[in-house]
Amino acid sequence: MEFMMEPDVLLPTQALNQWVYTLWRTAGSSDEEARITADHLIGANMSGHDSHGVSVVPGYVRSLASDQLQLNQRISVVTDSGALAVLDGNRGMGQAIAAQTMRFAIERAHSHGVAIVGLVCRVLDREFVFYMSMTLTGAMLFVTAAMPNLSLVALCCAVMGFMVGMMWVTGYTLLQESV
């Protein structure tokens, strides 16, 4: 049996941006959240990063339908030590939460001279975390092998330890669901 591939469908950028914006406004997003989301998704496609573009919309819609994604969320501060802060995105739309986080980090950097800001994200697919952790750990092994500085090797090993831990936890839970 021979399979025929469908030809690519090219849509005008502005029309697709408007469609994504309208989708999120209709779903309940504020004007700002819908605009940021549409602009970033289209921007990803236009930069050649299709995996981060409009192809993620069906997953976002599924997350919204299952109450994993919450629209119109604001970041909240989990830990605050001046130049160091940990924020919670409260299961909000990633693009809008990232914009809020960057504004927070820039304000902190202005007032303290430097800022280290972490963001807690809860809307992550375990399969994605598992595969990304595995891929990034492998990449870190190559980077570590090329490092001449022992302190950089130690830092990379700490990152790899975190990634391996994430692989183990997500892999274990994925296996339990399949049993």
Foldseek 3Di string as FASTA:
>chain_A
DDDDDDDDDDDPLVVQLVVQLVVVVVVPADNVVSNQLSVVQSVCVVVVNPVSHPVCVVVVVVCVVVVQEDHPFEKDWPDDDQQETEIERPNYDVRVRVVNQVVVNVVSCVVPVHHDYHYDHDPDDLVVLQVVLVVVLVVLVVVLVPDPDPVVNVVSVVSNVVSVVSNVVSVVVVVVVVD
